[in-house]
């Protein structure tokens, strides 16, 4: 009887892009909300307020159009945080080592954390922030901060290990 047990990491969860009907992340729920609001408004206008079919349909399409504009204008295929503050990176990753603490700022650092967890990352470099029209599918590190253990914990004590990327 063979007693050697072979473990293989399949990374099944990390292979998924997290899409529903082609929409990234939770944007599907925005679409469902827009459709629900449009149907509710249509029946309220048609049945309760006794408006004509065309007027009810025209007014009811407004919430759906707003949701679609938000999804495809500000979120789908855009960097995370594009719908709010585009000047600051939305992600921060802190790495603790025996002699120092290193903090990375940028976009899609969750992907970098997965690679670090499995020991796949060899080097990290600072790059300029992605443009608001580009689709961010890989990590973008825009700033690296290093602090030796034993130093003060305040933000003023942190010194940049690498200068901030030029725009």
C-alpha atoms as a PDB file:
ATOM      1  CA  UNK A   1       0.000   0.000   0.000  1.00  0.00           C
ATOM      2  CA  UNK A   2       1.348   3.409  -1.004  1.00  0.00           C
ATOM      3  CA  UNK A   3       1.194   5.936   1.854  1.00  0.00           C
ATOM      4  CA  UNK A   4       2.693   8.990   0.130  1.00  0.00           C
ATOM      5  CA  UNK A   5       0.059  11.664  -0.145  1.00  0.00           C
ATOM      6  CA  UNK A   6       0.649  14.173  -2.927  1.00  0.00           C
ATOM      7  CA  UNK A   7      -0.864  17.640  -2.438  1.00  0.00           C
ATOM      8  CA  UNK A   8      -1.342  19.851  -5.463  1.00  0.00           C
ATOM      9  CA  UNK A   9      -2.437  23.479  -5.331  1.00  0.00           C
ATOM     10  CA  UNK A  10      -4.967  23.945  -8.134  1.00  0.00           C
ATOM     11  CA  UNK A  11      -5.664  27.686  -7.645  1.00  0.00           C
ATOM     12  CA  UNK A  12      -9.236  27.032  -8.786  1.00  0.00           C
ATOM     13  CA  UNK A  13     -10.665  30.113  -7.062  1.00  0.00           C
ATOM     14  CA  UNK A  14      -7.965  32.448  -8.373  1.00  0.00           C
ATOM     15  CA  UNK A  15      -8.677  31.435 -11.982  1.00  0.00           C
ATOM     16  CA  UNK A  16     -12.181  32.926 -11.932  1.00  0.00           C
ATOM     17  CA  UNK A  17     -12.607  36.481 -13.198  1.00  0.00           C
ATOM     18  CA  UNK A  18     -15.722  36.944 -11.040  1.00  0.00           C
ATOM     19  CA  UNK A  19     -18.135  37.770 -13.858  1.00  0.00           C
ATOM     20  CA  UNK A  20     -21.894  37.377 -14.180  1.00  0.00           C
ATOM     21  CA  UNK A  21     -23.361  37.887 -17.655  1.00  0.00           C
ATOM     22  CA  UNK A  22     -20.112  39.584 -18.636  1.00  0.00           C
ATOM     23  CA  UNK A  23     -20.328  42.147 -15.823  1.00  0.00           C
ATOM     24  CA  UNK A  24     -17.372  42.415 -13.444  1.00  0.00           C
ATOM     25  CA  UNK A  25     -17.711  41.806  -9.720  1.00  0.00           C
ATOM     26  CA  UNK A  26     -21.001  42.920  -8.196  1.00  0.00           C
ATOM     27  CA  UNK A  27     -22.103  45.091 -11.128  1.00  0.00           C
ATOM     28  CA  UNK A  28     -24.729  42.441 -11.854  1.00  0.00           C
ATOM     29  CA  UNK A  29     -26.660  43.646  -8.782  1.00  0.00           C
ATOM     30  CA  UNK A  30     -26.709  47.202 -10.128  1.00  0.00           C
ATOM     31  CA  UNK A  31     -28.333  45.854 -13.282  1.00  0.00           C
ATOM     32  CA  UNK A  32     -30.882  43.841 -11.279  1.00  0.00           C
ATOM     33  CA  UNK A  33     -31.690  46.945  -9.206  1.00  0.00           C
ATOM     34  CA  UNK A  34     -32.145  49.064 -12.325  1.00  0.00           C
ATOM     35  CA  UNK A  35     -34.471  46.507 -13.902  1.00  0.00           C
ATOM     36  CA  UNK A  36     -36.434  46.189 -10.651  1.00  0.00           C
ATOM     37  CA  UNK A  37     -36.801  49.966 -10.330  1.00  0.00           C
ATOM     38  CA  UNK A  38     -37.896  50.238 -13.972  1.00  0.00           C
ATOM     39  CA  UNK A  39     -40.563  47.533 -13.593  1.00  0.00           C
ATOM     40  CA  UNK A  40     -41.852  49.037 -10.348  1.00  0.00           C
ATOM     41  CA  UNK A  41     -42.010  52.536 -11.820  1.00  0.00           C
ATOM     42  CA  UNK A  42     -43.728  51.239 -14.970  1.00  0.00           C
ATOM     43  CA  UNK A  43     -46.527  49.497 -13.075  1.00  0.00           C
ATOM     44  CA  UNK A  44     -46.990  52.379 -10.623  1.00  0.00           C
ATOM     45  CA  UNK A  45     -47.299  54.868 -13.470  1.00  0.00           C
ATOM     46  CA  UNK A  46     -49.532  52.631 -15.577  1.00  0.00           C
ATOM     47  CA  UNK A  47     -51.839  51.172 -12.910  1.00  0.00           C
ATOM     48  CA  UNK A  48     -51.863  53.665 -10.041  1.00  0.00           C
ATOM     49  CA  UNK A  49     -51.487  56.967 -11.893  1.00  0.00           C
ATOM     50  CA  UNK A  50     -53.324  55.721 -15.031  1.00  0.00           C
ATOM     51  CA  UNK A  51     -50.778  57.144 -17.480  1.00  0.00           C
ATOM     52  CA  UNK A  52     -50.607  55.925 -21.054  1.00  0.00           C
ATOM     53  CA  UNK A  53     -48.469  52.940 -21.984  1.00  0.00           C
ATOM     54  CA  UNK A  54     -45.885  54.970 -23.909  1.00  0.00           C
ATOM     55  CA  UNK A  55     -45.443  57.643 -21.219  1.00  0.00           C
ATOM     56  CA  UNK A  56     -45.183  55.004 -18.471  1.00  0.00           C
ATOM     57  CA  UNK A  57     -42.604  53.053 -20.438  1.00  0.00           C
ATOM     58  CA  UNK A  58     -40.583  56.172 -21.258  1.00  0.00           C
ATOM     59  CA  UNK A  59     -40.447  57.363 -17.653  1.00  0.00           C
ATOM     60  CA  UNK A  60     -39.788  53.855 -16.301  1.00  0.00           C
ATOM     61  CA  UNK A  61     -36.709  53.459 -18.517  1.00  0.00           C
ATOM     62  CA  UNK A  62     -34.964  56.372 -16.770  1.00  0.00           C
ATOM     63  CA  UNK A  63     -33.781  54.373 -13.685  1.00  0.00           C
ATOM     64  CA  UNK A  64     -32.581  51.557 -15.940  1.00  0.00           C
ATOM     65  CA  UNK A  65     -30.724  54.014 -18.178  1.00  0.00           C
ATOM     66  CA  UNK A  66     -29.058  55.612 -15.128  1.00  0.00           C
ATOM     67  CA  UNK A  67     -27.905  52.224 -13.835  1.00  0.00           C
ATOM     68  CA  UNK A  68     -26.556  51.246 -17.262  1.00  0.00           C
ATOM     69  CA  UNK A  69     -24.740  54.588 -17.550  1.00  0.00           C
ATOM     70  CA  UNK A  70     -23.144  54.021 -14.133  1.00  0.00           C
ATOM     71  CA  UNK A  71     -22.153  50.424 -14.955  1.00  0.00           C
ATOM     72  CA  UNK A  72     -20.688  51.002 -18.413  1.00  0.00           C
ATOM     73  CA  UNK A  73     -19.577  54.623 -17.986  1.00  0.00           C
ATOM     74  CA  UNK A  74     -17.853  54.479 -14.617  1.00  0.00           C
ATOM     75  CA  UNK A  75     -17.250  50.876 -13.571  1.00  0.00           C
ATOM     76  CA  UNK A  76     -17.064  48.169 -16.263  1.00  0.00           C
ATOM     77  CA  UNK A  77     -13.469  47.732 -17.436  1.00  0.00           C
ATOM     78  CA  UNK A  78     -12.221  50.665 -15.365  1.00  0.00           C
ATOM     79  CA  UNK A  79      -9.725  50.633 -12.476  1.00  0.00           C
ATOM     80  CA  UNK A  80     -11.194  49.989  -9.028  1.00  0.00           C
ATOM     81  CA  UNK A  81     -12.279  53.239  -7.405  1.00  0.00           C
ATOM     82  CA  UNK A  82     -12.835  54.934 -10.773  1.00  0.00           C
ATOM     83  CA  UNK A  83     -16.343  55.977  -9.757  1.00  0.00           C
ATOM     84  CA  UNK A  84     -15.063  57.854  -6.705  1.00  0.00           C
ATOM     85  CA  UNK A  85     -11.558  59.252  -6.159  1.00  0.00           C
ATOM     86  CA  UNK A  86      -9.217  58.541  -9.057  1.00  0.00           C
ATOM     87  CA  UNK A  87      -6.286  60.519  -7.615  1.00  0.00           C
ATOM     88  CA  UNK A  88      -5.401  58.086  -4.849  1.00  0.00           C
ATOM     89  CA  UNK A  89      -4.693  54.366  -5.115  1.00  0.00           C
ATOM     90  CA  UNK A  90      -7.513  52.304  -3.609  1.00  0.00           C
ATOM     91  CA  UNK A  91      -5.323  49.430  -2.345  1.00  0.00           C
ATOM     92  CA  UNK A  92      -2.676  49.236   0.337  1.00  0.00           C
ATOM     93  CA  UNK A  93      -0.719  46.069   1.106  1.00  0.00           C
ATOM     94  CA  UNK A  94       1.493  45.786   4.187  1.00  0.00           C
ATOM     95  CA  UNK A  95       4.212  43.124   4.325  1.00  0.00           C
ATOM     96  CA  UNK A  96       5.817  42.338   7.675  1.00  0.00           C
ATOM     97  CA  UNK A  97       9.331  40.969   7.700  1.00  0.00           C
ATOM     98  CA  UNK A  98      11.582  40.183  10.703  1.00  0.00           C
ATOM     99  CA  UNK A  99      13.558  43.437  10.298  1.00  0.00           C
ATOM    100  CA  UNK A 100      11.128  45.794   8.563  1.00  0.00           C
ATOM    101  CA  UNK A 101       7.572  46.542   7.495  1.00  0.00           C
ATOM    102  CA  UNK A 102       7.009  47.319   3.806  1.00  0.00           C
ATOM    103  CA  UNK A 103       3.836  49.031   2.584  1.00  0.00           C
ATOM    104  CA  UNK A 104       2.773  49.002  -1.067  1.00  0.00           C
ATOM    105  CA  UNK A 105       0.159  51.348  -2.535  1.00  0.00           C
ATOM    106  CA  UNK A 106      -1.516  50.859  -5.890  1.00  0.00           C
ATOM    107  CA  UNK A 107      -4.289  49.118  -7.793  1.00  0.00           C
ATOM    108  CA  UNK A 108      -5.281  45.407  -7.845  1.00  0.00           C
ATOM    109  CA  UNK A 109      -2.849  44.529  -5.054  1.00  0.00           C
ATOM    110  CA  UNK A 110      -5.132  41.612  -4.178  1.00  0.00           C
ATOM    111  CA  UNK A 111      -3.625  39.806  -7.178  1.00  0.00           C
ATOM    112  CA  UNK A 112      -0.132  40.596  -5.914  1.00  0.00           C
ATOM    113  CA  UNK A 113      -1.022  39.269  -2.453  1.00  0.00           C
ATOM    114  CA  UNK A 114      -2.096  35.950  -3.993  1.00  0.00           C
ATOM    115  CA  UNK A 115       1.214  35.652  -5.823  1.00  0.00           C
ATOM    116  CA  UNK A 116       3.192  36.565  -2.671  1.00  0.00           C
ATOM    117  CA  UNK A 117       1.290  33.947  -0.692  1.00  0.00           C
ATOM    118  CA  UNK A 118       2.450  31.224  -3.074  1.00  0.00           C
ATOM    119  CA  UNK A 119       6.002  32.623  -3.354  1.00  0.00           C
ATOM    120  CA  UNK A 120       5.718  33.484  -7.054  1.00  0.00           C
ATOM    121  CA  UNK A 121       6.824  37.145  -6.914  1.00  0.00           C
ATOM    122  CA  UNK A 122      10.517  37.787  -7.436  1.00  0.00           C
ATOM    123  CA  UNK A 123      10.602  41.574  -7.863  1.00  0.00           C
ATOM    124  CA  UNK A 124       8.220  44.520  -7.556  1.00  0.00           C
ATOM    125  CA  UNK A 125       8.734  47.842  -9.314  1.00  0.00           C
ATOM    126  CA  UNK A 126       6.967  51.183  -9.126  1.00  0.00           C
ATOM    127  CA  UNK A 127       4.976  52.222 -12.199  1.00  0.00           C
ATOM    128  CA  UNK A 128       2.833  55.286 -12.972  1.00  0.00           C
ATOM    129  CA  UNK A 129      -0.865  55.049 -12.044  1.00  0.00           C
ATOM    130  CA  UNK A 130      -3.082  53.484 -14.709  1.00  0.00           C
ATOM    131  CA  UNK A 131      -5.150  55.852 -16.800  1.00  0.00           C
ATOM    132  CA  UNK A 132      -8.869  56.030 -16.087  1.00  0.00           C
ATOM    133  CA  UNK A 133      -9.602  54.570 -19.519  1.00  0.00           C
ATOM    134  CA  UNK A 134      -7.298  51.560 -19.190  1.00  0.00           C
ATOM    135  CA  UNK A 135      -8.515  48.199 -17.986  1.00  0.00           C
ATOM    136  CA  UNK A 136      -6.493  47.178 -14.929  1.00  0.00           C
ATOM    137  CA  UNK A 137      -6.040  43.414 -14.979  1.00  0.00           C
ATOM    138  CA  UNK A 138      -2.690  43.190 -13.217  1.00  0.00           C
ATOM    139  CA  UNK A 139      -1.228  44.836 -10.096  1.00  0.00           C
ATOM    140  CA  UNK A 140       0.040  48.430 -10.380  1.00  0.00           C
ATOM    141  CA  UNK A 141       2.324  49.485  -7.509  1.00  0.00           C
ATOM    142  CA  UNK A 142       2.674  53.283  -7.401  1.00  0.00           C
ATOM    143  CA  UNK A 143       4.471  53.730  -4.084  1.00  0.00           C
ATOM    144  CA  UNK A 144       6.604  51.584  -1.756  1.00  0.00           C
ATOM    145  CA  UNK A 145       7.246  52.564   1.865  1.00  0.00           C
ATOM    146  CA  UNK A 146       9.708  50.767   4.168  1.00  0.00           C
ATOM    147  CA  UNK A 147       9.992  51.118   7.944  1.00  0.00           C
ATOM    148  CA  UNK A 148      12.545  49.308  10.093  1.00  0.00           C
ATOM    149  CA  UNK A 149      11.112  47.583  13.133  1.00  0.00           C
ATOM    150  CA  UNK A 150      11.679  49.621  16.253  1.00  0.00           C
ATOM    151  CA  UNK A 151      10.967  52.955  14.545  1.00  0.00           C
ATOM    152  CA  UNK A 152       7.956  55.079  15.365  1.00  0.00           C
ATOM    153  CA  UNK A 153       4.677  53.825  13.939  1.00  0.00           C
ATOM    154  CA  UNK A 154       3.366  57.202  12.714  1.00  0.00           C
ATOM    155  CA  UNK A 155       3.113  57.945   8.998  1.00  0.00           C
ATOM    156  CA  UNK A 156       5.656  60.748   9.331  1.00  0.00           C
ATOM    157  CA  UNK A 157       8.352  58.230  10.320  1.00  0.00           C
ATOM    158  CA  UNK A 158       7.904  56.167   7.169  1.00  0.00           C
ATOM    159  CA  UNK A 159      10.388  56.891   4.422  1.00  0.00           C
ATOM    160  CA  UNK A 160       9.866  56.010   0.807  1.00  0.00           C
ATOM    161  CA  UNK A 161      12.010  53.067  -0.257  1.00  0.00           C
ATOM    162  CA  UNK A 162      11.459  54.089  -3.872  1.00  0.00           C
ATOM    163  CA  UNK A 163      10.343  57.495  -5.076  1.00  0.00           C
ATOM    164  CA  UNK A 164       6.755  57.813  -6.156  1.00  0.00           C
ATOM    165  CA  UNK A 165       6.204  56.979  -9.819  1.00  0.00           C
ATOM    166  CA  UNK A 166       6.126  59.894 -12.242  1.00  0.00           C
ATOM    167  CA  UNK A 167       2.828  60.557 -13.986  1.00  0.00           C
END
